[in-house]
C-alpha atoms as a PDB file:
ATOM      1  CA  MET A   1      52.928 -12.108  36.066  1.00  0.00           C
ATOM      2  CA  ALA A   2      55.061 -14.139  38.508  1.00  0.00           C
ATOM      3  CA  VAL A   3      53.631 -15.036  41.946  1.00  0.00           C
ATOM      4  CA  GLY A   4      54.894 -16.792  45.049  1.00  0.00           C
ATOM      5  CA  VAL A   5      58.358 -15.096  45.267  1.00  0.00           C
ATOM      6  CA  PRO A   6      60.222 -16.362  48.396  1.00  0.00           C
ATOM      7  CA  GLU A   7      60.577 -13.753  51.140  1.00  0.00           C
ATOM      8  CA  ASN A   8      64.320 -14.439  51.535  1.00  0.00           C
ATOM      9  CA  ASP A   9      64.870 -13.428  47.904  1.00  0.00           C
ATOM     10  CA  VAL A  10      62.895 -10.239  48.483  1.00  0.00           C
ATOM     11  CA  PHE A  11      64.813  -9.465  51.709  1.00  0.00           C
ATOM     12  CA  ALA A  12      68.144 -10.094  49.985  1.00  0.00           C
ATOM     13  CA  ALA A  13      67.197  -7.866  47.067  1.00  0.00           C
ATOM     14  CA  ALA A  14      66.128  -5.091  49.499  1.00  0.00           C
ATOM     15  CA  ASP A  15      69.474  -5.392  51.366  1.00  0.00           C
ATOM     16  CA  ALA A  16      71.301  -5.149  48.038  1.00  0.00           C
ATOM     17  CA  VAL A  17      69.397  -1.999  47.091  1.00  0.00           C
ATOM     18  CA  LEU A  18      70.049  -0.469  50.525  1.00  0.00           C
ATOM     19  CA  ALA A  19      73.730  -1.426  50.278  1.00  0.00           C
ATOM     20  CA  ARG A  20      73.980   0.621  47.048  1.00  0.00           C
ATOM     21  CA  GLY A  21      72.788   3.637  49.045  1.00  0.00           C
ATOM     22  CA  GLU A  22      69.305   3.644  47.480  1.00  0.00           C
ATOM     23  CA  ARG A  23      65.928   3.521  49.178  1.00  0.00           C
ATOM     24  CA  PRO A  24      64.313   0.097  48.646  1.00  0.00           C
ATOM     25  CA  THR A  25      61.032   0.468  46.745  1.00  0.00           C
ATOM     26  CA  VAL A  26      58.751  -2.058  45.145  1.00  0.00           C
ATOM     27  CA  GLU A  27      59.956  -1.202  41.633  1.00  0.00           C
ATOM     28  CA  ARG A  28      63.656  -1.272  42.621  1.00  0.00           C
ATOM     29  CA  VAL A  29      63.280  -4.569  44.465  1.00  0.00           C
ATOM     30  CA  ARG A  30      61.375  -6.074  41.525  1.00  0.00           C
ATOM     31  CA  LEU A  31      64.057  -4.759  39.170  1.00  0.00           C
ATOM     32  CA  GLU A  32      66.713  -6.315  41.405  1.00  0.00           C
ATOM     33  CA  LEU A  33      64.834  -9.640  41.464  1.00  0.00           C
ATOM     34  CA  GLY A  34      63.725  -9.560  37.859  1.00  0.00           C
ATOM     35  CA  ARG A  35      60.343 -11.012  38.854  1.00  0.00           C
ATOM     36  CA  GLY A  36      57.535 -10.832  41.438  1.00  0.00           C
ATOM     37  CA  SER A  37      54.132  -9.149  41.543  1.00  0.00           C
ATOM     38  CA  PRO A  38      53.831  -5.631  43.013  1.00  0.00           C
ATOM     39  CA  ALA A  39      51.401  -6.843  45.717  1.00  0.00           C
ATOM     40  CA  ARG A  40      53.653  -9.723  46.824  1.00  0.00           C
ATOM     41  CA  VAL A  41      56.839  -7.637  46.765  1.00  0.00           C
ATOM     42  CA  GLY A  42      55.098  -4.735  48.586  1.00  0.00           C
ATOM     43  CA  ALA A  43      53.831  -6.981  51.397  1.00  0.00           C
ATOM     44  CA  LEU A  44      57.253  -8.611  51.882  1.00  0.00           C
ATOM     45  CA  LEU A  45      58.948  -5.190  51.711  1.00  0.00           C
ATOM     46  CA  ASP A  46      56.777  -4.035  54.640  1.00  0.00           C
ATOM     47  CA  GLN A  47      58.002  -7.025  56.637  1.00  0.00           C
ATOM     48  CA  TRP A  48      61.616  -6.178  55.631  1.00  0.00           C
ATOM     49  CA  TRP A  49      61.244  -2.625  56.985  1.00  0.00           C
ATOM     50  CA  GLU A  50      59.929  -4.022  60.302  1.00  0.00           C
ATOM     51  CA  GLN A  51      62.804  -6.487  60.513  1.00  0.00           C
ATOM     52  CA  LEU A  52      65.245  -3.706  59.575  1.00  0.00           C
ATOM     53  CA  ALA A  53      64.139  -1.670  62.605  1.00  0.00           C
ATOM     54  CA  GLY A  54      64.694  -4.721  64.866  1.00  0.00           C
ATOM     55  CA  ARG A  55      68.036  -5.360  63.310  1.00  0.00           C
ATOM     56  CA  LEU A  56      69.061  -1.778  63.899  1.00  0.00           C
ATOM     57  CA  ARG A  57      67.876  -1.914  67.524  1.00  0.00           C
ATOM     58  CA  GLY A  58      69.850  -5.155  68.055  1.00  0.00           C
ATOM     59  CA  GLU A  59      73.051  -3.547  66.812  1.00  0.00           C
ATOM     60  CA  THR A  60      72.983  -0.802  69.560  1.00  0.00           C
ATOM     61  CA  ARG A  61      74.795  -3.119  71.860  1.00  0.00           C
ATOM     62  CA  LEU A  62      78.517  -2.465  71.308  1.00  0.00           C
ATOM     63  CA  PRO A  63      80.629  -4.543  73.710  1.00  0.00           C
ATOM     64  CA  GLY A  64      84.321  -3.839  74.131  1.00  0.00           C
ATOM     65  CA  LEU A  65      84.137  -0.045  73.603  1.00  0.00           C
ATOM     66  CA  PRO A  66      84.685   2.708  76.150  1.00  0.00           C
ATOM     67  CA  THR A  67      81.565   4.025  77.795  1.00  0.00           C
ATOM     68  CA  GLU A  68      81.807   7.549  76.354  1.00  0.00           C
ATOM     69  CA  VAL A  69      82.563   6.209  72.913  1.00  0.00           C
ATOM     70  CA  ALA A  70      79.799   3.647  73.182  1.00  0.00           C
ATOM     71  CA  GLN A  71      77.307   6.271  74.349  1.00  0.00           C
ATOM     72  CA  ALA A  72      78.329   8.658  71.582  1.00  0.00           C
ATOM     73  CA  PHE A  73      78.122   5.884  69.038  1.00  0.00           C
ATOM     74  CA  VAL A  74      74.694   4.842  70.408  1.00  0.00           C
ATOM     75  CA  ALA A  75      73.467   8.448  70.228  1.00  0.00           C
ATOM     76  CA  ILE A  76      74.660   8.746  66.642  1.00  0.00           C
ATOM     77  CA  TRP A  77      73.187   5.362  65.868  1.00  0.00           C
ATOM     78  CA  GLN A  78      69.840   6.335  67.393  1.00  0.00           C
ATOM     79  CA  GLN A  79      69.759   9.517  65.328  1.00  0.00           C
ATOM     80  CA  ALA A  80      70.589   7.500  62.233  1.00  0.00           C
ATOM     81  CA  THR A  81      67.905   4.996  63.201  1.00  0.00           C
ATOM     82  CA  LEU A  82      65.361   7.794  63.623  1.00  0.00           C
ATOM     83  CA  LEU A  83      66.343   9.252  60.275  1.00  0.00           C
ATOM     84  CA  ALA A  84      66.203   5.788  58.710  1.00  0.00           C
ATOM     85  CA  GLN A  85      62.803   5.192  60.263  1.00  0.00           C
ATOM     86  CA  GLY A  86      61.576   8.523  58.862  1.00  0.00           C
ATOM     87  CA  VAL A  87      62.939   7.665  55.466  1.00  0.00           C
ATOM     88  CA  ALA A  88      61.493   4.179  55.758  1.00  0.00           C
ATOM     89  CA  GLU A  89      58.109   5.563  56.765  1.00  0.00           C
ATOM     90  CA  GLN A  90      58.162   7.970  53.827  1.00  0.00           C
ATOM     91  CA  ALA A  91      59.152   5.165  51.505  1.00  0.00           C
ATOM     92  CA  LEU A  92      56.496   2.946  53.057  1.00  0.00           C
ATOM     93  CA  ALA A  93      53.852   5.656  52.589  1.00  0.00           C
ATOM     94  CA  ALA A  94      54.941   6.056  48.976  1.00  0.00           C
ATOM     95  CA  GLN A  95      54.868   2.306  48.529  1.00  0.00           C
ATOM     96  CA  ARG A  96      51.439   2.148  50.111  1.00  0.00           C
ATOM     97  CA  GLN A  97      50.227   4.922  47.778  1.00  0.00           C
ATOM     98  CA  VAL A  98      51.639   3.036  44.796  1.00  0.00           C
ATOM     99  CA  LEU A  99      50.090  -0.153  46.120  1.00  0.00           C
ATOM    100  CA  MET A 100      46.686   1.543  46.509  1.00  0.00           C
ATOM    101  CA  GLU A 101      46.942   2.977  43.008  1.00  0.00           C
ATOM    102  CA  GLU A 102      47.908  -0.440  41.663  1.00  0.00           C
ATOM    103  CA  ARG A 103      45.024  -2.008  43.595  1.00  0.00           C
ATOM    104  CA  GLU A 104      42.621   0.586  42.176  1.00  0.00           C
ATOM    105  CA  GLN A 105      44.014  -0.024  38.709  1.00  0.00           C
ATOM    106  CA  LEU A 106      43.653  -3.760  39.268  1.00  0.00           C
ATOM    107  CA  ALA A 107      40.058  -3.283  40.465  1.00  0.00           C
ATOM    108  CA  ALA A 108      39.353  -1.130  37.411  1.00  0.00           C
ATOM    109  CA  GLU A 109      40.896  -3.793  35.194  1.00  0.00           C
ATOM    110  CA  GLN A 110      38.852  -6.458  36.985  1.00  0.00           C
ATOM    111  CA  GLU A 111      35.669  -4.354  36.490  1.00  0.00           C
ATOM    112  CA  GLN A 112      36.547  -3.865  32.834  1.00  0.00           C
ATOM    113  CA  LEU A 113      37.185  -7.592  32.486  1.00  0.00           C
ATOM    114  CA  ARG A 114      33.863  -8.274  34.235  1.00  0.00           C
ATOM    115  CA  GLN A 115      32.052  -5.913  31.867  1.00  0.00           C
ATOM    116  CA  GLU A 116      33.806  -7.489  28.913  1.00  0.00           C
ATOM    117  CA  ALA A 117      32.761 -10.897  30.221  1.00  0.00           C
ATOM    118  CA  VAL A 118      29.172  -9.667  30.520  1.00  0.00           C
ATOM    119  CA  ARG A 119      29.350  -8.282  26.969  1.00  0.00           C
ATOM    120  CA  GLY A 120      30.882 -11.564  25.863  1.00  0.00           C
ATOM    121  CA  ARG A 121      28.040 -13.501  27.459  1.00  0.00           C
ATOM    122  CA  LEU A 122      25.510 -11.145  25.820  1.00  0.00           C
ATOM    123  CA  LEU A 123      27.247 -11.544  22.472  1.00  0.00           C
ATOM    124  CA  ALA A 124      27.288 -15.300  22.968  1.00  0.00           C
ATOM    125  CA  ALA A 125      23.559 -15.271  23.802  1.00  0.00           C
ATOM    126  CA  GLU A 126      22.876 -13.096  20.763  1.00  0.00           C
ATOM    127  CA  ALA A 127      24.972 -15.433  18.631  1.00  0.00           C
ATOM    128  CA  VAL A 128      23.008 -18.427  19.944  1.00  0.00           C
ATOM    129  CA  ALA A 129      19.727 -16.632  19.261  1.00  0.00           C
ATOM    130  CA  ALA A 130      20.961 -15.634  15.811  1.00  0.00           C
ATOM    131  CA  ARG A 131      22.009 -19.215  15.120  1.00  0.00           C
ATOM    132  CA  GLN A 132      18.587 -20.467  16.233  1.00  0.00           C
ATOM    133  CA  ALA A 133      16.890 -17.853  14.055  1.00  0.00           C
ATOM    134  CA  ILE A 134      19.094 -18.846  11.117  1.00  0.00           C
ATOM    135  CA  GLU A 135      18.271 -22.514  11.706  1.00  0.00           C
ATOM    136  CA  ILE A 136      14.548 -21.668  11.819  1.00  0.00           C
ATOM    137  CA  ARG A 137      14.914 -19.548   8.686  1.00  0.00           C
ATOM    138  CA  LEU A 138      16.820 -22.368   7.025  1.00  0.00           C
ATOM    139  CA  GLY A 139      14.005 -24.785   7.886  1.00  0.00           C
ATOM    140  CA  ASP A 140      11.459 -22.327   6.496  1.00  0.00           C
ATOM    141  CA  LEU A 141      13.506 -21.947   3.328  1.00  0.00           C
ATOM    142  CA  GLU A 142      13.730 -25.710   2.955  1.00  0.00           C
ATOM    143  CA  GLN A 143       9.955 -26.003   3.325  1.00  0.00           C
ATOM    144  CA  LEU A 144       9.515 -23.151   0.861  1.00  0.00           C
ATOM    145  CA  LEU A 145      11.869 -24.897  -1.549  1.00  0.00           C
ATOM    146  CA  GLU A 146       9.835 -28.098  -1.260  1.00  0.00           C
ATOM    147  CA  GLN A 147       6.650 -26.106  -1.882  1.00  0.00           C
ATOM    148  CA  ARG A 148       8.224 -24.429  -4.920  1.00  0.00           C
ATOM    149  CA  LEU A 149       9.334 -27.788  -6.297  1.00  0.00           C
ATOM    150  CA  THR A 150       5.817 -29.117  -5.779  1.00  0.00           C
ATOM    151  CA  GLN A 151       4.401 -26.056  -7.523  1.00  0.00           C
ATOM    152  CA  ILE A 152       6.839 -26.555 -10.403  1.00  0.00           C
ATOM    153  CA  ASP A 153       5.653 -30.148 -10.795  1.00  0.00           C
ATOM    154  CA  ASP A 154       2.046 -28.961 -10.711  1.00  0.00           C
ATOM    155  CA  LEU A 155       2.811 -26.288 -13.287  1.00  0.00           C
ATOM    156  CA  ARG A 156       4.430 -28.873 -15.534  1.00  0.00           C
ATOM    157  CA  GLN A 157       1.360 -31.064 -15.301  1.00  0.00           C
ATOM    158  CA  GLN A 158      -0.851 -28.047 -15.950  1.00  0.00           C
ATOM    159  CA  ARG A 159       1.293 -27.151 -18.949  1.00  0.00           C
ATOM    160  CA  GLU A 160       0.849 -30.636 -20.361  1.00  0.00           C
ATOM    161  CA  GLN A 161      -2.888 -30.436 -19.762  1.00  0.00           C
ATOM    162  CA  GLN A 162      -2.978 -26.993 -21.331  1.00  0.00           C
ATOM    163  CA  GLY A 163      -1.193 -28.401 -24.395  1.00  0.00           C
ATOM    164  CA  SER A 164      -4.071 -30.774 -24.986  1.00  0.00           C
ATOM    165  CA  GLN A 165      -6.517 -27.975 -24.198  1.00  0.00           C
ATOM    166  CA  VAL A 166      -4.773 -25.780 -26.777  1.00  0.00           C
ATOM    167  CA  ASP A 167      -5.305 -28.448 -29.441  1.00  0.00           C
ATOM    168  CA  GLU A 168      -8.943 -28.694 -28.481  1.00  0.00           C
ATOM    169  CA  ALA A 169      -9.165 -24.907 -28.467  1.00  0.00           C
ATOM    170  CA  ARG A 170      -7.721 -24.785 -31.981  1.00  0.00           C
ATOM    171  CA  GLN A 171     -10.363 -27.218 -33.180  1.00  0.00           C
ATOM    172  CA  ASP A 172     -13.010 -25.167 -31.366  1.00  0.00           C
ATOM    173  CA  ALA A 173     -11.600 -22.017 -32.977  1.00  0.00           C
ATOM    174  CA  VAL A 174     -11.950 -23.545 -36.442  1.00  0.00           C
ATOM    175  CA  ALA A 175     -15.553 -24.467 -35.687  1.00  0.00           C
ATOM    176  CA  LEU A 176     -16.181 -21.031 -34.197  1.00  0.00           C
ATOM    177  CA  ARG A 177     -14.715 -19.363 -37.281  1.00  0.00           C
ATOM    178  CA  GLN A 178     -17.148 -21.335 -39.428  1.00  0.00           C
ATOM    179  CA  GLN A 179     -19.996 -20.406 -37.107  1.00  0.00           C
ATOM    180  CA  LEU A 180     -18.792 -16.835 -37.182  1.00  0.00           C
ATOM    181  CA  GLN A 181     -18.801 -16.754 -40.938  1.00  0.00           C
ATOM    182  CA  ASP A 182     -22.297 -18.218 -40.939  1.00  0.00           C
ATOM    183  CA  SER A 183     -23.369 -15.698 -38.324  1.00  0.00           C
ATOM    184  CA  ARG A 184     -21.879 -12.872 -40.353  1.00  0.00           C
ATOM    185  CA  ALA A 185     -23.723 -14.062 -43.456  1.00  0.00           C
ATOM    186  CA  GLN A 186     -26.962 -14.339 -41.469  1.00  0.00           C
ATOM    187  CA  ALA A 187     -26.376 -10.940 -39.908  1.00  0.00           C
ATOM    188  CA  GLU A 188     -25.703  -9.382 -43.307  1.00  0.00           C
ATOM    189  CA  GLN A 189     -28.823 -10.977 -44.762  1.00  0.00           C
ATOM    190  CA  LEU A 190     -30.822  -9.881 -41.727  1.00  0.00           C
ATOM    191  CA  ARG A 191     -29.453  -6.359 -42.064  1.00  0.00           C
ATOM    192  CA  LEU A 192     -30.411  -6.221 -45.771  1.00  0.00           C
ATOM    193  CA  ASP A 193     -33.888  -7.582 -45.039  1.00  0.00           C
ATOM    194  CA  GLN A 194     -34.272  -5.112 -42.211  1.00  0.00           C
ATOM    195  CA  GLU A 195     -33.161  -2.252 -44.448  1.00  0.00           C
ATOM    196  CA  HIS A 196     -35.700  -3.263 -47.127  1.00  0.00           C
ATOM    197  CA  TYR A 197     -38.415  -3.630 -44.518  1.00  0.00           C
ATOM    198  CA  THR A 198     -37.487  -0.296 -42.950  1.00  0.00           C
ATOM    199  CA  LYS A 199     -37.511   1.443 -46.329  1.00  0.00           C
ATOM    200  CA  ASP A 200     -40.892  -0.070 -47.200  1.00  0.00           C
ATOM    201  CA  VAL A 201     -42.355   0.934 -43.861  1.00  0.00           C
ATOM    202  CA  GLU A 202     -40.881   4.422 -44.119  1.00  0.00           C
ATOM    203  CA  ASN A 203     -42.231   4.851 -47.660  1.00  0.00           C
ATOM    204  CA  ARG A 204     -45.646   3.605 -46.587  1.00  0.00           C
ATOM    205  CA  ALA A 205     -45.561   5.846 -43.555  1.00  0.00           C
ATOM    206  CA  PHE A 206     -44.539   8.835 -45.646  1.00  0.00           C
ATOM    207  CA  ARG A 207     -47.370   8.112 -48.078  1.00  0.00           C
ATOM    208  CA  GLU A 208     -49.829   7.859 -45.205  1.00  0.00           C
ATOM    209  CA  ILE A 209     -48.499  11.087 -43.768  1.00  0.00           C
ATOM    210  CA  ASP A 210     -48.832  12.858 -47.141  1.00  0.00           C
ATOM    211  CA  ARG A 211     -52.359  11.540 -47.579  1.00  0.00           C
ATOM    212  CA  ALA A 212     -53.262  12.563 -44.051  1.00  0.00           C
ATOM    213  CA  ARG A 213     -51.814  16.001 -44.670  1.00  0.00           C
ATOM    214  CA  GLU A 214     -53.870  16.354 -47.848  1.00  0.00           C
ATOM    215  CA  GLU A 215     -57.009  15.215 -46.041  1.00  0.00           C
ATOM    216  CA  THR A 216     -56.183  17.574 -43.209  1.00  0.00           C
ATOM    217  CA  LYS A 217     -55.791  20.444 -45.642  1.00  0.00           C
ATOM    218  CA  GLY A 218     -59.209  19.595 -47.255  1.00  0.00           C
ATOM    219  CA  LEU A 219     -60.920  19.307 -43.907  1.00  0.00           C
ATOM    220  CA  ALA A 220     -59.283  22.507 -42.755  1.00  0.00           C
ATOM    221  CA  ALA A 221     -60.628  24.283 -45.838  1.00  0.00           C
ATOM    222  CA  GLN A 222     -64.107  22.834 -45.193  1.00  0.00           C
ATOM    223  CA  LEU A 223     -63.914  23.839 -41.588  1.00  0.00           C
ATOM    224  CA  LYS A 224     -62.837  27.323 -42.560  1.00  0.00           C
ATOM    225  CA  GLU A 225     -65.721  27.575 -45.034  1.00  0.00           C
ATOM    226  CA  ALA A 226     -68.168  26.284 -42.401  1.00  0.00           C
ATOM    227  CA  ASN A 227     -66.865  28.792 -39.872  1.00  0.00           C
ATOM    228  CA  THR A 228     -67.281  31.537 -42.470  1.00  0.00           C
ATOM    229  CA  GLN A 229     -70.853  30.501 -43.191  1.00  0.00           C
ATOM    230  CA  LEU A 230     -71.549  30.230 -39.474  1.00  0.00           C
ATOM    231  CA  LEU A 231     -70.161  33.701 -38.961  1.00  0.00           C
ATOM    232  CA  LEU A 232     -72.274  35.099 -41.802  1.00  0.00           C
ATOM    233  CA  THR A 233     -75.346  33.356 -40.443  1.00  0.00           C
ATOM    234  CA  HIS A 234     -74.624  34.679 -36.967  1.00  0.00           C
ATOM    235  CA  GLN A 235     -74.221  38.168 -38.379  1.00  0.00           C
ATOM    236  CA  ALA A 236     -77.508  37.794 -40.297  1.00  0.00           C
ATOM    237  CA  LEU A 237     -79.162  36.596 -37.096  1.00  0.00           C
ATOM    238  CA  GLN A 238     -77.882  39.594 -35.229  1.00  0.00           C
ATOM    239  CA  THR A 239     -79.057  41.856 -38.005  1.00  0.00           C
ATOM    240  CA  SER A 240     -82.462  40.186 -37.884  1.00  0.00           C
ATOM    241  CA  GLN A 241     -82.683  40.601 -34.140  1.00  0.00           C
ATOM    242  CA  THR A 242     -81.752  44.263 -34.452  1.00  0.00           C
ATOM    243  CA  ALA A 243     -84.325  44.743 -37.131  1.00  0.00           C
ATOM    244  CA  LEU A 244     -86.814  42.912 -34.910  1.00  0.00           C
ATOM    245  CA  THR A 245     -86.104  45.298 -32.074  1.00  0.00           C
ATOM    246  CA  GLU A 246     -86.352  48.374 -34.259  1.00  0.00           C
ATOM    247  CA  ALA A 247     -89.483  47.219 -36.101  1.00  0.00           C
ATOM    248  CA  ARG A 248     -91.796  45.633 -33.651  1.00  0.00           C
ATOM    249  CA  GLU A 249     -94.583  46.038 -36.005  1.00  0.00           C
ATOM    250  CA  GLN A 250     -92.795  43.631 -38.325  1.00  0.00           C
ATOM    251  CA  GLY A 251     -92.246  41.150 -35.468  1.00  0.00           C
ATOM    252  CA  ALA A 252     -94.273  38.332 -36.869  1.00  0.00           C
ATOM    253  CA  GLU A 253     -92.496  38.397 -40.194  1.00  0.00           C
ATOM    254  CA  THR A 254     -89.025  38.740 -38.596  1.00  0.00           C
ATOM    255  CA  ARG A 255     -89.706  35.884 -36.174  1.00  0.00           C
ATOM    256  CA  ALA A 256     -90.706  33.775 -39.148  1.00  0.00           C
ATOM    257  CA  GLN A 257     -87.429  34.605 -40.893  1.00  0.00           C
ATOM    258  CA  ALA A 258     -85.407  33.824 -37.738  1.00  0.00           C
ATOM    259  CA  THR A 259     -87.261  30.592 -37.368  1.00  0.00           C
ATOM    260  CA  ALA A 260     -86.428  29.743 -40.980  1.00  0.00           C
ATOM    261  CA  LEU A 261     -82.739  30.552 -40.453  1.00  0.00           C
ATOM    262  CA  ARG A 262     -82.327  28.451 -37.318  1.00  0.00           C
ATOM    263  CA  PRO A 263     -82.393  25.073 -39.089  1.00  0.00           C
ATOM    264  CA  GLN A 264     -79.767  26.323 -41.505  1.00  0.00           C
ATOM    265  CA  VAL A 265     -77.598  27.477 -38.600  1.00  0.00           C
ATOM    266  CA  GLU A 266     -77.959  24.094 -36.900  1.00  0.00           C
ATOM    267  CA  GLN A 267     -77.054  22.405 -40.202  1.00  0.00           C
ATOM    268  CA  TRP A 268     -73.867  24.477 -40.508  1.00  0.00           C
ATOM    269  CA  ARG A 269     -73.001  23.687 -36.884  1.00  0.00           C
ATOM    270  CA  GLN A 270     -73.403  19.988 -37.582  1.00  0.00           C
ATOM    271  CA  VAL A 271     -71.185  20.323 -40.648  1.00  0.00           C
ATOM    272  CA  ALA A 272     -68.556  22.093 -38.558  1.00  0.00           C
ATOM    273  CA  ALA A 273     -68.745  19.375 -35.856  1.00  0.00           C
ATOM    274  CA  GLN A 274     -68.365  16.643 -38.512  1.00  0.00           C
ATOM    275  CA  ALA A 275     -65.386  18.473 -39.983  1.00  0.00           C
ATOM    276  CA  GLU A 276     -63.780  18.661 -36.534  1.00  0.00           C
ATOM    277  CA  GLU A 277     -64.419  14.953 -35.959  1.00  0.00           C
ATOM    278  CA  GLN A 278     -62.833  14.101 -39.314  1.00  0.00           C
ATOM    279  CA  LEU A 279     -59.867  16.323 -38.466  1.00  0.00           C
ATOM    280  CA  GLN A 280     -59.418  14.530 -35.126  1.00  0.00           C
ATOM    281  CA  ALA A 281     -59.634  11.138 -36.895  1.00  0.00           C
ATOM    282  CA  VAL A 282     -56.977  12.221 -39.388  1.00  0.00           C
ATOM    283  CA  GLN A 283     -54.760  13.447 -36.534  1.00  0.00           C
ATOM    284  CA  GLN A 284     -55.178  10.113 -34.732  1.00  0.00           C
ATOM    285  CA  ARG A 285     -54.243   8.223 -37.903  1.00  0.00           C
ATOM    286  CA  LEU A 286     -51.229  10.501 -38.250  1.00  0.00           C
ATOM    287  CA  GLN A 287     -50.164   9.691 -34.664  1.00  0.00           C
ATOM    288  CA  VAL A 288     -50.634   5.947 -35.300  1.00  0.00           C
ATOM    289  CA  THR A 289     -48.529   6.230 -38.433  1.00  0.00           C
ATOM    290  CA  GLN A 290     -45.782   8.084 -36.525  1.00  0.00           C
ATOM    291  CA  THR A 291     -45.915   5.402 -33.789  1.00  0.00           C
ATOM    292  CA  GLU A 292     -45.504   2.671 -36.404  1.00  0.00           C
ATOM    293  CA  LEU A 293     -42.600   4.581 -37.900  1.00  0.00           C
ATOM    294  CA  GLY A 294     -40.936   4.802 -34.442  1.00  0.00           C
ATOM    295  CA  THR A 295     -41.494   1.059 -33.937  1.00  0.00           C
ATOM    296  CA  VAL A 296     -39.920   0.331 -37.296  1.00  0.00           C
ATOM    297  CA  ARG A 297     -36.921   2.490 -36.392  1.00  0.00           C
ATOM    298  CA  GLU A 298     -36.569   0.681 -33.066  1.00  0.00           C
ATOM    299  CA  HIS A 299     -36.627  -2.678 -34.896  1.00  0.00           C
ATOM    300  CA  ALA A 300     -33.943  -1.382 -37.241  1.00  0.00           C
ATOM    301  CA  ALA A 301     -31.799  -0.174 -34.271  1.00  0.00           C
ATOM    302  CA  ALA A 302     -32.270  -3.546 -32.526  1.00  0.00           C
ATOM    303  CA  ALA A 303     -31.227  -5.381 -35.677  1.00  0.00           C
ATOM    304  CA  GLN A 304     -28.156  -3.157 -35.994  1.00  0.00           C
ATOM    305  CA  ALA A 305     -27.320  -3.754 -32.309  1.00  0.00           C
ATOM    306  CA  ARG A 306     -27.629  -7.541 -32.834  1.00  0.00           C
ATOM    307  CA  ALA A 307     -25.260  -7.294 -35.776  1.00  0.00           C
ATOM    308  CA  GLU A 308     -22.741  -5.311 -33.696  1.00  0.00           C
ATOM    309  CA  THR A 309     -23.100  -7.819 -30.835  1.00  0.00           C
ATOM    310  CA  LEU A 310     -22.337 -10.666 -33.217  1.00  0.00           C
ATOM    311  CA  GLU A 311     -19.248  -8.856 -34.486  1.00  0.00           C
ATOM    312  CA  GLN A 312     -18.012  -8.210 -30.902  1.00  0.00           C
ATOM    313  CA  HIS A 313     -18.625 -11.838 -30.045  1.00  0.00           C
ATOM    314  CA  LEU A 314     -16.581 -12.815 -33.087  1.00  0.00           C
ATOM    315  CA  LYS A 315     -13.709 -10.557 -31.978  1.00  0.00           C
ATOM    316  CA  GLN A 316     -13.799 -12.042 -28.466  1.00  0.00           C
ATOM    317  CA  LEU A 317     -13.648 -15.504 -29.934  1.00  0.00           C
ATOM    318  CA  GLU A 318     -10.670 -14.569 -32.103  1.00  0.00           C
ATOM    319  CA  ARG A 319      -8.675 -13.080 -29.175  1.00  0.00           C
ATOM    320  CA  PRO A 320      -8.241 -16.347 -27.165  1.00  0.00           C
ATOM    321  CA  THR A 321      -7.264 -18.113 -30.368  1.00  0.00           C
ATOM    322  CA  ARG A 322      -4.531 -15.556 -31.059  1.00  0.00           C
ATOM    323  CA  ALA A 323      -3.403 -15.654 -27.416  1.00  0.00           C
ATOM    324  CA  ARG A 324      -3.095 -19.436 -27.616  1.00  0.00           C
ATOM    325  CA  LYS A 325      -1.136 -19.243 -30.855  1.00  0.00           C
ATOM    326  CA  ALA A 326       1.407 -16.863 -29.325  1.00  0.00           C
ATOM    327  CA  PRO A 327       2.571 -19.283 -26.526  1.00  0.00           C
ATOM    328  CA  SER A 328       2.727 -22.147 -29.033  1.00  0.00           C
ATOM    329  CA  LYS A 329       5.126 -20.074 -31.198  1.00  0.00           C
ATOM    330  CA  ASP A 330       7.266 -19.357 -28.112  1.00  0.00           C
ATOM    331  CA  ARG A 331       7.570 -23.051 -27.419  1.00  0.00           C
END
């Protein structure tokens, strides 16, 4: 936008517009000039209107004319001046309105430019912060890259060390296989020995149980017989006592018979007590035999568990060996 238009050029352009019979306005004067800012042309156009009024007042003096003619011409000229002033004031008001609108538009554009400048500064600050963050991130990535390279070197060294460890592990696996075979043979032999021992103990225990059962049956029969005799004796004693009550006159003889029967009753009681003691002894031996049988079964279960433990240990030893073989094939 052009600035600094000379006032003479503006005044001449306004005279040219007025000479064409048009009202001089900012846009018409600018169009006549072909340049100039609206503010500059508007301010100079206000000065032109003021000078135009003075010029019109200076031209009221008309020398060399008759008085009536001069007065009539002055009256007409005054009316024309008043009309021109009214038109000029209207044009000036319109120009002022246009100027105010242009000033408001310019202020709005300045505010928009200010806001855009603020946004630009914010964007610039964000860009600087983003650049700093990127630089920091780049530094972190470079450090991470160095750490990864260091880790790669460490992994290479570990791989080389693991290669030697794999060879040693293979040798250990061969030795462990031999030990495993020996352990399996020992476990199998131990299992066979344990089975033979268990069978012998079970057979012996079964024989003891059968013998104890037979003895128990004999003692039970003796006890039953003793109980029967005791019952008969008790019945005879009761019969004797009844007879003693009924026949008091035969008291001496009956008391003698009762006295004779008492030792026999005591003898049968002793026999019954001995039979019970023997039965309890047989039952105790039976319990001992059952306890020994349980112990033998526990030993057999422990031996079987040791054999299973040895087999699991063998499988665990074989798994690392297979795992080590697999990476060696991949290489």
